[in-house]
Amino acid sequence: MTKLTNNVTIPELGFGVFQISEEGATKQAVLDAIKTGYRLIDTAASYGNEVEVGQAIKEAIESGLVTREALFVTSKLWVEDVTADKAPQAIQASLDRLQLDYLDLLLIHQPYNDIFGAWRAMEAAYEAGKLKSIGISNFDVAQAINLAEFSKIKPMVNQIEVNPFNQNIEKVSYLQDYGITIEAWAPFAEGKNGLFTNPILSEIGQKYHKSVAQVILRWLVQRNIIPLAKSVKAERMAQNIDVLDFELSKEDMDQIKTLDTQTSQFFDHHDPEMIKWMASRHL
């Protein structure tokens, strides 16, 4: 477990549900993840599956599989709701879809629209107990520090892309030193560039009798980054959470560093066309 700046504890490993689209698949995946041992469940309004996540959580609690207090549930405000007026309703809508009284963490999903207006609404929901912690996602260092320095409550988390091809070394280091915990989305880069057959990662895995995925997750944990892994296969979930029983050497870490292209494997958050697309996307 890791402690956020407000002393809330967050699990070292998380389970993400992005792009689980088949009807019923998200509910089953979350149930399987909880059975496997995951306690951090990461969703978002824009994923369109908060209802199924909520159904899984409710079933897991009612069956005695887990208590609500043992879970750490995260969701995110989509761009169109990042305003002072819309954020309170969006927060409540997420809670309603998830059938929860509170969220353990709410993030501003993208660094666009009225960031400060939405953040004030999140601060109010935090003080009211609807949110146990608040943070951001996909913010660069300047955007994160700008928000933090001009707000009563500083962001506790920044969820960004971190994988062997886009390691964000300086960004992660600066924000961690500042007191912001880093979560990694797409830790496997969705398998791009032959990630799972990469010779360096494969060789390191063979040394410890671990898969490439396990090597990557361990690499993130050793950087004090919380990885959010996704799978709909129970056996893969079990493998992905089994990464706390070995340690990569400095040589291993240095070898992985050579894979860094310092480029997103998906898109540039500073691309005006991407910002226009996000502004036009309505849930």
Foldseek 3Di string as FASTA:
>chain_A
DDAFPVRDDDDQAAAEDAPPPPPPLSLLQLLLLLLLPHQEYEEEVVSVCLLSQLVNVVVCCVVVVDPPVSHAYEYEDAQVQQALVRLLVSLVVSCVSSVHQAHAEYEHEALDDNNQSNVVSVVVCCVVVRYVFYAYEPDFPVSQVVNQVPDPHHHREYEYADELAAHCVVRQVVVVVVRHAYEHEPNQLVCPPVQQVDPLLCVQCVVVVAGSLLSSSLLCVVSRYHYHDYDSDSVVSSRNVPNPPDHDDPVSNVSSNVNYPNDRSPDDSVDPVVVVVSNPDDD
